[in-house]
Amino acid sequence: MQLLTKNESLTDAQKAIFLQGASYILAENTLQLGVWVENTPLHESESSIAIGACELAGADAVKFLKDCVSYLKSEHPGRSILGPMNGNTWMKHRLILESDGSLPFLLEPIEPDFMKEVFDEAGFTVLSRYSSSLIDLTATQPDFEKVERIISKQGISIRSLDEDHFVEDLKQIYDLSLSAFSNNFLYTPLPEAAFLNSYQSAREQTDTDLVLLAFKGDELIGFLFCLADTDPQTLIVKTLATKPSQRTTGLGTYLVAMAQQRAKDKGYTKAIHALQFESNSSLRISQRFDAKKFRTYGLMISK
């Protein structure tokens, strides 16, 4: 097994792994994985090690992964190994546990079908589960007029992302994300510049009418970020958050309902509620729209 650093002669794909913040790469013939030891999530009060960008095809893949785990545990004793994950949960992570065979949607982290078997046989277990679900927008949608009245009585206003002040709105979304997600499982803070870059890179797929911001006075207390899929009739409901200190009953559900109705009016026929943590309140919101789960994912751990 060979340890590669950013100072060595590398392929373009390996250089890309280091650009994502990897500490080094472990490789053997055609097998390799990136290793992140800094800015990784805490697990059981200890920084974890993340392994990602995995190339694990072939008869020797399980042995290679086991050898990597042994090496990492000897070099970093006491730290859990999480994967596949390119550093933290802001980056590409998870493998597929179950699928109905639906085609991948935009930005979905798709790993080869054999990846789960390799991780299983190398001694990893599922640490956390996630799912994606499909909503039929052509079906009659639930009525949330009562929720709308509650929100209006509390002085909450909702507007779309402002195309002319795109970055300024993203900065407000970033600030809210820090407080809304800070207690999430495996949360790792992301620098503002990296956050802005990730959302700006998806600007062409962003219909600002379908990115909703909820304000109480001048304070942003909730947002919903949606993207158009590569299938032009499919909306991706990507990120939903509300301010912890300003919890408003039904606000998240209403933002989703509003975005989906706007999408339906624009000719969308489907909405994907993407990559939801399976104990998350957003999963309950999806159930209110008769969502049909089509894929589940897992983040794996070796202790």
Foldseek 3Di string as FASTA:
>chain_A
DDKAACPDDDDPLLVVLVVLPFGIKDDDVQWIWTKRQPLFFDDPNHGAIEIAPTDQDDDCRLVSVLVVVVVCCVVPPPHKYKDDDSRAPVGQTWEFDDFPPDDDKPPHRYDDPCVVVSCVSNPKDFDFKWFKWKFFLVDDFDDDVVLVVQCVVLQKDKDFQDPVCNLVVQVLVLVQCCQFCVPPPRDGRDDSVVSSVVVVVQVVQFDRRLWMFMDRVPHTFWIWGWGQIPPNQEIEGEDITGHPVDDDPCPRLVSVVSSSVVSVVVRRGMYMDPTGGVVDVVVVSCVSSVIGTGTMTGMIIDD
